[in-house]
């Protein structure tokens, strides 16, 4: 099983915790920057996990580079920014 290594959530506000995440995977960084996850998009997933999150997309090809991003919703009604591609 393939798993994403980890990400770190930080905030200038105290007491901020992660309650959901969204991961997307693309064949190129340019596609991610354009908002196109041509390999897989987890959709918004409830959970506080930020390490060893399982990849649940189509089978990946060996010796191929994949690019991924994650975003964590910040406050109710606010959309988080994607990490850098």
C-alpha atoms as a PDB file:
ATOM      1  CA  UNK A   1       0.000   0.000   0.000  1.00  0.00           C
ATOM      2  CA  UNK A   2       1.280   3.461  -0.877  1.00  0.00           C
ATOM      3  CA  UNK A   3       1.059   6.190   1.760  1.00  0.00           C
ATOM      4  CA  UNK A   4       1.810   9.889   1.805  1.00  0.00           C
ATOM      5  CA  UNK A   5       4.683  10.665   4.125  1.00  0.00           C
ATOM      6  CA  UNK A   6       3.365  13.604   6.142  1.00  0.00           C
ATOM      7  CA  UNK A   7       2.482  17.255   6.345  1.00  0.00           C
ATOM      8  CA  UNK A   8       2.547  19.789   9.127  1.00  0.00           C
ATOM      9  CA  UNK A   9      -0.343  22.079  10.034  1.00  0.00           C
ATOM     10  CA  UNK A  10       0.607  25.445  11.490  1.00  0.00           C
ATOM     11  CA  UNK A  11      -1.385  28.544  12.358  1.00  0.00           C
ATOM     12  CA  UNK A  12      -0.860  31.907  13.984  1.00  0.00           C
ATOM     13  CA  UNK A  13      -4.000  31.200  16.028  1.00  0.00           C
ATOM     14  CA  UNK A  14      -3.820  29.056  19.128  1.00  0.00           C
ATOM     15  CA  UNK A  15      -5.719  25.798  19.392  1.00  0.00           C
ATOM     16  CA  UNK A  16      -6.114  25.194  15.651  1.00  0.00           C
ATOM     17  CA  UNK A  17      -6.413  21.498  14.866  1.00  0.00           C
ATOM     18  CA  UNK A  18      -6.945  19.520  11.709  1.00  0.00           C
ATOM     19  CA  UNK A  19     -10.341  17.867  11.251  1.00  0.00           C
ATOM     20  CA  UNK A  20     -10.202  17.147   7.503  1.00  0.00           C
ATOM     21  CA  UNK A  21      -7.835  17.111   4.538  1.00  0.00           C
ATOM     22  CA  UNK A  22      -7.809  16.804   0.767  1.00  0.00           C
ATOM     23  CA  UNK A  23      -4.956  15.334  -1.265  1.00  0.00           C
ATOM     24  CA  UNK A  24      -4.569  15.515  -5.015  1.00  0.00           C
ATOM     25  CA  UNK A  25      -2.014  13.865  -7.281  1.00  0.00           C
ATOM     26  CA  UNK A  26      -0.982  14.811 -10.808  1.00  0.00           C
ATOM     27  CA  UNK A  27       1.525  13.740 -13.415  1.00  0.00           C
ATOM     28  CA  UNK A  28       3.159  17.197 -13.490  1.00  0.00           C
ATOM     29  CA  UNK A  29       3.597  20.135 -11.141  1.00  0.00           C
ATOM     30  CA  UNK A  30       2.132  22.383 -13.840  1.00  0.00           C
ATOM     31  CA  UNK A  31      -1.122  20.434 -13.816  1.00  0.00           C
ATOM     32  CA  UNK A  32      -1.381  20.772 -10.040  1.00  0.00           C
ATOM     33  CA  UNK A  33      -0.703  24.500 -10.293  1.00  0.00           C
ATOM     34  CA  UNK A  34      -3.546  24.698 -12.808  1.00  0.00           C
ATOM     35  CA  UNK A  35      -5.837  22.808 -10.414  1.00  0.00           C
ATOM     36  CA  UNK A  36      -5.873  19.596 -12.459  1.00  0.00           C
ATOM     37  CA  UNK A  37      -5.365  16.379 -10.522  1.00  0.00           C
ATOM     38  CA  UNK A  38      -5.132  14.022 -13.487  1.00  0.00           C
ATOM     39  CA  UNK A  39      -4.144  11.034 -11.332  1.00  0.00           C
ATOM     40  CA  UNK A  40      -6.246  11.211  -8.139  1.00  0.00           C
ATOM     41  CA  UNK A  41      -8.186  13.545  -5.848  1.00  0.00           C
ATOM     42  CA  UNK A  42      -9.198  12.292  -2.413  1.00  0.00           C
ATOM     43  CA  UNK A  43     -11.973  14.839  -2.101  1.00  0.00           C
ATOM     44  CA  UNK A  44     -12.552  16.344   1.318  1.00  0.00           C
ATOM     45  CA  UNK A  45     -11.838  13.608   3.842  1.00  0.00           C
ATOM     46  CA  UNK A  46     -12.722  13.882   7.512  1.00  0.00           C
ATOM     47  CA  UNK A  47      -9.794  13.071   9.762  1.00  0.00           C
ATOM     48  CA  UNK A  48      -6.900  14.414  11.770  1.00  0.00           C
ATOM     49  CA  UNK A  49      -4.323  12.195  10.058  1.00  0.00           C
ATOM     50  CA  UNK A  50      -1.314  14.033   8.676  1.00  0.00           C
ATOM     51  CA  UNK A  51       1.097  11.126   8.428  1.00  0.00           C
ATOM     52  CA  UNK A  52       0.924   7.798   6.629  1.00  0.00           C
ATOM     53  CA  UNK A  53      -2.320   8.760   4.854  1.00  0.00           C
ATOM     54  CA  UNK A  54      -3.143   5.944   2.387  1.00  0.00           C
ATOM     55  CA  UNK A  55      -3.191   6.595  -1.340  1.00  0.00           C
ATOM     56  CA  UNK A  56      -6.457   5.275  -2.784  1.00  0.00           C
ATOM     57  CA  UNK A  57      -6.131   6.171  -6.448  1.00  0.00           C
ATOM     58  CA  UNK A  58      -5.372   4.065  -9.512  1.00  0.00           C
ATOM     59  CA  UNK A  59      -2.223   1.940  -9.609  1.00  0.00           C
ATOM     60  CA  UNK A  60       0.971   3.958  -9.969  1.00  0.00           C
ATOM     61  CA  UNK A  61       3.744   3.132 -12.404  1.00  0.00           C
ATOM     62  CA  UNK A  62       7.251   2.434 -11.139  1.00  0.00           C
ATOM     63  CA  UNK A  63      10.052   4.844 -12.075  1.00  0.00           C
ATOM     64  CA  UNK A  64       7.485   7.608 -12.637  1.00  0.00           C
ATOM     65  CA  UNK A  65       7.491  10.912 -10.789  1.00  0.00           C
ATOM     66  CA  UNK A  66       4.182  12.038  -9.334  1.00  0.00           C
ATOM     67  CA  UNK A  67       3.367  15.399  -7.769  1.00  0.00           C
ATOM     68  CA  UNK A  68       1.001  15.908  -4.860  1.00  0.00           C
ATOM     69  CA  UNK A  69      -0.602  18.674  -2.852  1.00  0.00           C
ATOM     70  CA  UNK A  70      -2.652  18.790   0.285  1.00  0.00           C
ATOM     71  CA  UNK A  71      -4.968  21.316   1.830  1.00  0.00           C
ATOM     72  CA  UNK A  72      -6.481  21.388   5.264  1.00  0.00           C
ATOM     73  CA  UNK A  73      -9.654  23.400   5.887  1.00  0.00           C
ATOM     74  CA  UNK A  74      -8.897  26.149   8.362  1.00  0.00           C
ATOM     75  CA  UNK A  75     -12.057  27.572   9.875  1.00  0.00           C
ATOM     76  CA  UNK A  76     -15.708  26.772   9.206  1.00  0.00           C
ATOM     77  CA  UNK A  77     -16.738  28.257   5.884  1.00  0.00           C
ATOM     78  CA  UNK A  78     -13.163  29.033   4.814  1.00  0.00           C
ATOM     79  CA  UNK A  79     -11.337  27.276   2.002  1.00  0.00           C
ATOM     80  CA  UNK A  80      -7.689  26.472   2.664  1.00  0.00           C
ATOM     81  CA  UNK A  81      -4.940  27.137   0.167  1.00  0.00           C
ATOM     82  CA  UNK A  82      -3.183  24.229  -1.545  1.00  0.00           C
ATOM     83  CA  UNK A  83       0.425  23.516  -0.641  1.00  0.00           C
ATOM     84  CA  UNK A  84       2.986  24.386  -3.319  1.00  0.00           C
ATOM     85  CA  UNK A  85       3.108  22.062  -6.291  1.00  0.00           C
END
